[in-house]
Amino acid sequence: MTLCLLLSTAYCLLPTAYCSAHGVAPHRFEDLPYAWGRDPLVWLCLAASGWLYARGVRRLWRESGRGRGVRRWEAWAYAGGWAALFVALVSPLHPWGEVLFAAHMTQHEVLMVAAAPLLVLGRPVVAFLWAVPPAWARALGEAAKAPWWWRAWGALTNPLAAWGLHALALWVWHVPALFEATLRSDLVHTLQHVSFLGSALLFWWALVHGPRGLMGYGAAVLYLFTTSVHTGVLGAFLTFTGRVLYPTYGSTTGAWGLTPLEDQQLGGLIMWVPAGLVYVGAGLALLAGWMRESERAVVRRERATLRTAER
């Protein structure tokens, strides 16, 4: 059931990335307050996903008690992820990315290291299950029991596979020819956003809802560390390369007081430092959880040994 409902979550969230209709591109700071994403389908999908989550949590808490099934902090996490989607896809950050590479990079990082983990932490599958009619929930549960679906979803959410897909999406879309294509075609730009958000959701889902215990925590720390390394390498390359990789921005950065190379270097720094700190911070949090789990395991073994000795 969980696997099938995750698809319903993605169905409600990913369409917000599908629609990348561009607002009026800003040419100076004074234009930013008026440069918003204006695609009605984006607004509709965001409103629908927020309403479904709120409806599901409200019904769940009414039946089971406040904070049960979905804890309060998890509901706040989803709200934060929803807000991050709004910032990335509707706010002036979206059209700003048409004229500044650094803004475009910020948009991508908001999708991958802010929206995706917060949405996953919010347990949207549970909330969406309670939001739909009971007959629909039962039908989804039955469909999710199909063996082929378990095998396919298990392969996609295997931590190593999810890590590889996320890394592949990140590196491939920064190939100059492909990145330039996103600036010329709304369709290609849409595919880029879908792959970034979709692969990030898979990656964080595998880490948060993957196997627990000592090996689960340890593997998650490793995946986060290696992700921070390879994204840092890409960010450092964009920062220190001496040539402009994305010439389309050459005619738009001057109005913002930047040369095209400076704009590219700033974008590389955004990927390298702030985004890298998110991965490192998440890794440290999991490491702390790993240590607590180790301590609990030691205490349980000691208590079991004492009970055996007392007998």
Protein backbone atom coordinates (compact mmCIF):
# COMPACT_ATOMS: atom_id res chain seq x y z
CA MET A 1 0.00 0.00 0.00
CA THR A 2 2.79 2.39 0.93
CA LEU A 3 4.41 1.96 -2.46
CA CYS A 4 1.27 2.59 -4.43
CA LEU A 5 0.32 5.61 -2.35
CA LEU A 6 3.74 7.13 -2.87
CA LEU A 7 2.90 7.23 -6.56
CA SER A 8 -0.25 9.16 -5.74
CA THR A 9 1.91 11.58 -3.75
CA ALA A 10 4.26 12.00 -6.70
CA TYR A 11 1.27 12.39 -9.02
CA CYS A 12 0.09 15.37 -7.00
CA LEU A 13 3.53 16.91 -6.51
CA LEU A 14 5.44 16.31 -9.71
CA PRO A 15 2.95 18.04 -12.02
CA THR A 16 3.98 21.26 -10.32
CA ALA A 17 7.37 20.68 -11.87
CA TYR A 18 5.93 19.64 -15.22
CA CYS A 19 4.53 23.09 -15.86
CA SER A 20 7.38 25.48 -16.28
CA ALA A 21 5.63 28.22 -18.15
CA HIS A 22 7.74 31.30 -17.76
CA GLY A 23 6.61 34.55 -16.28
CA VAL A 24 7.98 37.90 -17.32
CA ALA A 25 11.76 37.70 -17.02
CA PRO A 26 13.07 40.40 -14.64
CA HIS A 27 15.85 42.68 -15.87
CA ARG A 28 16.61 44.51 -12.62
CA PHE A 29 15.88 44.13 -8.92
CA GLU A 30 12.89 46.46 -9.18
CA ASP A 31 11.23 43.95 -11.52
CA LEU A 32 11.43 40.99 -9.12
CA PRO A 33 8.25 41.70 -7.10
CA TYR A 34 6.26 41.57 -10.34
CA ALA A 35 7.91 38.48 -11.86
CA TRP A 36 5.90 35.48 -10.69
CA GLY A 37 5.11 32.11 -12.24
CA ARG A 38 1.67 32.52 -13.76
CA ASP A 39 0.77 29.05 -14.99
CA PRO A 40 -2.65 28.24 -13.47
CA LEU A 41 -1.93 24.49 -13.51
CA VAL A 42 1.07 25.00 -11.23
CA TRP A 43 -1.06 26.96 -8.78
CA LEU A 44 -3.81 24.34 -9.01
CA CYS A 45 -1.47 21.41 -8.36
CA LEU A 46 0.13 23.14 -5.40
CA ALA A 47 -3.28 24.00 -3.97
CA ALA A 48 -4.55 20.44 -4.51
CA SER A 49 -1.53 18.79 -2.87
CA GLY A 50 -1.71 21.12 0.12
CA TRP A 51 -5.45 20.65 0.51
CA LEU A 52 -5.23 16.84 0.25
CA TYR A 53 -2.50 16.68 2.87
CA ALA A 54 -4.36 18.98 5.27
CA ARG A 55 -7.60 17.03 4.75
CA GLY A 56 -5.89 13.70 5.37
CA VAL A 57 -4.09 14.84 8.51
CA ARG A 58 -7.26 16.45 9.88
CA ARG A 59 -9.29 13.25 9.36
CA LEU A 60 -6.52 11.07 10.77
CA TRP A 61 -6.15 13.17 13.91
CA ARG A 62 -9.91 13.36 14.37
CA GLU A 63 -10.13 9.55 14.36
CA SER A 64 -6.90 8.63 16.15
CA GLY A 65 -5.93 11.67 18.20
CA ARG A 66 -3.78 14.67 17.46
CA GLY A 67 -0.19 13.75 16.64
CA ARG A 68 -0.95 10.07 15.90
CA GLY A 69 -0.11 8.54 12.52
CA VAL A 70 1.48 11.79 11.41
CA ARG A 71 3.32 13.63 14.16
CA ARG A 72 3.10 17.36 14.48
CA TRP A 73 6.69 17.96 13.42
CA GLU A 74 6.10 15.79 10.36
CA ALA A 75 3.11 17.91 9.38
CA TRP A 76 5.27 21.02 9.77
CA ALA A 77 7.97 19.34 7.64
CA TYR A 78 5.49 18.80 4.82
CA ALA A 79 4.34 22.40 5.11
CA GLY A 80 7.96 23.49 4.77
CA GLY A 81 8.45 21.28 1.72
CA TRP A 82 5.28 22.63 0.15
CA ALA A 83 6.48 26.18 0.78
CA ALA A 84 9.84 25.31 -0.82
CA LEU A 85 8.01 24.07 -3.92
CA PHE A 86 6.11 27.34 -4.03
CA VAL A 87 9.35 29.32 -3.80
CA ALA A 88 11.06 27.25 -6.51
CA LEU A 89 8.21 27.09 -9.02
CA VAL A 90 5.94 30.09 -8.46
CA SER A 91 7.90 32.85 -6.74
CA PRO A 92 10.08 35.36 -8.64
CA LEU A 93 12.96 32.89 -8.24
CA HIS A 94 11.61 30.93 -11.21
CA PRO A 95 11.67 33.71 -13.87
CA TRP A 96 14.86 35.06 -12.29
CA GLY A 97 16.50 31.80 -13.30
CA GLU A 98 15.95 32.73 -16.93
CA VAL A 99 18.38 35.63 -16.70
CA LEU A 100 20.86 34.49 -14.02
CA PHE A 101 22.54 31.10 -13.82
CA ALA A 102 23.00 31.60 -10.06
CA ALA A 103 19.24 32.03 -9.58
CA HIS A 104 18.58 28.98 -11.74
CA MET A 105 21.00 26.97 -9.59
CA THR A 106 19.29 28.21 -6.43
CA GLN A 107 15.95 27.06 -7.80
CA HIS A 108 17.31 23.57 -8.42
CA GLU A 109 18.86 23.33 -4.98
CA VAL A 110 15.60 24.42 -3.35
CA LEU A 111 13.86 21.56 -5.17
CA MET A 112 16.47 18.92 -4.31
CA VAL A 113 17.77 19.74 -0.83
CA ALA A 114 14.81 21.60 0.69
CA ALA A 115 11.51 20.55 -0.89
CA ALA A 116 12.29 16.86 -1.48
CA PRO A 117 13.54 15.87 2.01
CA LEU A 118 10.87 17.90 3.81
CA LEU A 119 8.09 16.39 1.72
CA VAL A 120 9.40 12.88 2.41
CA LEU A 121 9.71 13.58 6.15
CA GLY A 122 6.10 14.75 6.17
CA ARG A 123 4.82 11.21 5.48
CA PRO A 124 2.48 12.34 2.70
CA VAL A 125 1.50 8.75 1.86
CA VAL A 126 -0.28 8.38 5.19
CA ALA A 127 -2.01 11.74 4.86
CA PHE A 128 -3.07 11.12 1.26
CA LEU A 129 -4.44 7.71 2.24
CA TRP A 130 -6.73 9.35 4.77
CA ALA A 131 -7.69 12.10 2.33
CA VAL A 132 -9.15 9.82 -0.34
CA PRO A 133 -12.41 7.87 0.03
CA PRO A 134 -11.99 4.50 1.83
CA ALA A 135 -12.89 2.55 -1.31
CA TRP A 136 -10.07 4.27 -3.20
CA ALA A 137 -7.62 3.53 -0.39
CA ARG A 138 -8.57 -0.15 -0.43
CA ALA A 139 -8.19 -0.30 -4.21
CA LEU A 140 -4.74 1.27 -3.98
CA GLY A 141 -3.77 -1.21 -1.30
CA GLU A 142 -4.84 -4.15 -3.43
CA ALA A 143 -3.00 -2.82 -6.47
CA ALA A 144 0.16 -2.35 -4.42
CA LYS A 145 0.22 -6.03 -3.48
CA ALA A 146 1.13 -7.08 -7.02
CA PRO A 147 4.52 -8.88 -6.95
CA TRP A 148 5.79 -7.12 -10.05
CA TRP A 149 5.12 -3.77 -8.41
CA TRP A 150 6.98 -4.69 -5.23
CA ARG A 151 9.98 -5.81 -7.27
CA ALA A 152 9.98 -2.68 -9.45
CA TRP A 153 9.53 -0.28 -6.57
CA GLY A 154 12.09 -2.14 -4.48
CA ALA A 155 14.61 -1.75 -7.28
CA LEU A 156 13.92 1.97 -7.67
CA THR A 157 14.08 2.71 -3.95
CA ASN A 158 17.13 0.61 -3.29
CA PRO A 159 19.48 3.17 -1.68
CA LEU A 160 22.29 2.50 -4.14
CA ALA A 161 19.97 2.74 -7.16
CA ALA A 162 18.31 5.91 -5.85
CA TRP A 163 21.74 7.43 -5.15
CA GLY A 164 22.90 6.59 -8.68
CA LEU A 165 19.78 7.99 -10.36
CA HIS A 166 20.03 11.22 -8.39
CA ALA A 167 23.72 11.63 -9.20
CA LEU A 168 23.12 10.84 -12.87
CA ALA A 169 20.33 13.42 -13.15
CA LEU A 170 22.48 16.07 -11.52
CA TRP A 171 25.55 15.57 -13.68
CA VAL A 172 23.83 14.90 -17.00
CA TRP A 173 21.68 18.05 -16.87
CA HIS A 174 24.73 20.22 -16.29
CA VAL A 175 26.30 19.14 -19.56
CA PRO A 176 26.40 22.48 -21.43
CA ALA A 177 24.43 21.29 -24.46
CA LEU A 178 21.58 19.93 -22.34
CA PHE A 179 21.51 22.86 -19.92
CA GLU A 180 21.42 25.29 -22.83
CA ALA A 181 18.53 23.31 -24.30
CA THR A 182 16.49 23.94 -21.11
CA LEU A 183 16.83 27.68 -21.71
CA ARG A 184 15.47 27.37 -25.24
CA SER A 185 12.67 24.83 -24.73
CA ASP A 186 9.96 24.76 -22.07
CA LEU A 187 9.56 21.02 -22.64
CA VAL A 188 13.23 20.29 -21.97
CA HIS A 189 13.16 22.63 -18.98
CA THR A 190 10.18 20.69 -17.66
CA LEU A 191 12.01 17.37 -18.06
CA GLN A 192 14.96 18.79 -16.15
CA HIS A 193 12.80 19.85 -13.21
CA VAL A 194 10.95 16.52 -13.17
CA SER A 195 14.19 14.55 -13.11
CA PHE A 196 15.69 16.74 -10.38
CA LEU A 197 12.65 16.61 -8.11
CA GLY A 198 11.75 13.01 -8.90
CA SER A 199 15.26 11.63 -8.36
CA ALA A 200 15.61 13.69 -5.17
CA LEU A 201 12.32 12.30 -3.83
CA LEU A 202 13.54 8.76 -4.53
CA PHE A 203 16.91 9.48 -2.93
CA TRP A 204 15.51 10.95 0.28
CA TRP A 205 12.75 8.33 0.43
CA ALA A 206 15.35 5.56 0.28
CA LEU A 207 17.33 7.17 3.09
CA VAL A 208 14.40 8.03 5.37
CA HIS A 209 12.23 4.97 4.81
CA GLY A 210 14.92 2.47 3.89
CA PRO A 211 16.21 -0.33 6.12
CA ARG A 212 16.78 0.72 9.71
CA GLY A 213 19.14 -0.52 12.35
CA LEU A 214 22.89 -0.07 12.46
CA MET A 215 23.53 -1.02 8.84
CA GLY A 216 20.68 1.22 7.63
CA TYR A 217 21.98 4.29 9.45
CA GLY A 218 25.56 3.60 8.39
CA ALA A 219 24.65 3.21 4.73
CA ALA A 220 22.56 6.38 4.78
CA VAL A 221 25.48 8.35 6.21
CA LEU A 222 27.70 6.98 3.46
CA TYR A 223 25.26 7.89 0.70
CA LEU A 224 24.87 11.42 2.05
CA PHE A 225 28.61 11.87 2.38
CA THR A 226 29.31 10.69 -1.16
CA THR A 227 26.49 12.89 -2.48
CA SER A 228 28.02 15.92 -0.78
CA VAL A 229 31.37 14.99 -2.35
CA HIS A 230 30.21 14.60 -5.96
CA THR A 231 27.93 17.66 -5.83
CA GLY A 232 30.83 19.59 -4.31
CA VAL A 233 33.10 18.48 -7.14
CA LEU A 234 30.59 19.71 -9.71
CA GLY A 235 30.11 22.98 -7.84
CA ALA A 236 33.85 23.49 -7.55
CA PHE A 237 34.28 22.83 -11.27
CA LEU A 238 31.64 25.44 -12.13
CA THR A 239 33.33 27.86 -9.74
CA PHE A 240 36.93 27.49 -10.87
CA THR A 241 36.67 26.75 -14.56
CA GLY A 242 37.98 29.70 -16.51
CA ARG A 243 35.46 29.60 -19.34
CA VAL A 244 31.76 30.29 -19.67
CA LEU A 245 29.88 27.01 -20.09
CA TYR A 246 26.40 28.45 -20.63
CA PRO A 247 26.69 31.34 -23.11
CA THR A 248 22.94 31.99 -23.27
CA TYR A 249 23.25 33.96 -20.04
CA GLY A 250 25.90 36.19 -21.64
CA SER A 251 23.36 38.80 -22.73
CA THR A 252 21.41 38.98 -19.44
CA THR A 253 23.88 39.06 -16.54
CA GLY A 254 25.19 42.58 -17.18
CA ALA A 255 21.99 44.19 -15.91
CA TRP A 256 22.63 42.51 -12.55
CA GLY A 257 26.20 43.76 -12.23
CA LEU A 258 27.78 40.40 -13.07
CA THR A 259 29.82 39.08 -15.95
CA PRO A 260 28.70 35.71 -17.34
CA LEU A 261 31.70 34.03 -15.71
CA GLU A 262 31.00 35.63 -12.32
CA ASP A 263 27.37 34.51 -12.57
CA GLN A 264 28.50 30.96 -13.31
CA GLN A 265 31.00 31.03 -10.43
CA LEU A 266 28.31 32.24 -8.04
CA GLY A 267 26.04 29.39 -9.16
CA GLY A 268 28.85 26.90 -8.58
CA LEU A 269 29.40 28.27 -5.08
CA ILE A 270 25.69 27.87 -4.31
CA MET A 271 25.85 24.21 -5.28
CA TRP A 272 29.17 23.66 -3.55
CA VAL A 273 28.71 25.32 -0.15
CA PRO A 274 25.07 25.82 1.00
CA ALA A 275 23.74 22.67 -0.69
CA GLY A 276 26.74 20.67 0.50
CA LEU A 277 26.11 21.81 4.06
CA VAL A 278 22.58 20.37 3.88
CA TYR A 279 23.91 16.93 2.96
CA VAL A 280 26.59 17.14 5.66
CA GLY A 281 24.04 18.27 8.25
CA ALA A 282 21.67 15.43 7.36
CA GLY A 283 24.58 12.99 7.52
CA LEU A 284 25.55 14.24 10.99
CA ALA A 285 21.95 13.88 12.17
CA LEU A 286 21.86 10.29 10.93
CA LEU A 287 25.26 9.66 12.51
CA ALA A 288 23.88 10.85 15.83
CA GLY A 289 20.93 8.49 15.36
CA TRP A 290 23.33 5.68 14.55
CA MET A 291 25.23 6.31 17.78
CA ARG A 292 22.02 6.39 19.83
CA GLU A 293 20.91 3.14 18.24
CA SER A 294 24.28 1.59 19.08
CA GLU A 295 23.95 2.68 22.71
CA ARG A 296 20.45 1.25 22.94
CA ALA A 297 21.65 -2.04 21.45
CA VAL A 298 24.45 -2.24 24.04
CA VAL A 299 22.02 -1.51 26.89
CA ARG A 300 19.60 -4.16 25.62
CA ARG A 301 22.37 -6.75 25.44
CA GLU A 302 23.59 -5.89 28.95
CA ARG A 303 20.08 -6.16 30.38
CA ALA A 304 19.54 -9.48 28.62
CA THR A 305 22.87 -10.75 30.03
CA LEU A 306 21.89 -9.67 33.57
CA ARG A 307 18.49 -11.35 33.32
CA THR A 308 20.15 -14.55 32.14
CA ALA A 309 22.67 -14.43 35.00
CA GLU A 310 19.92 -13.84 37.59
CA ARG A 311 18.16 -16.99 36.46
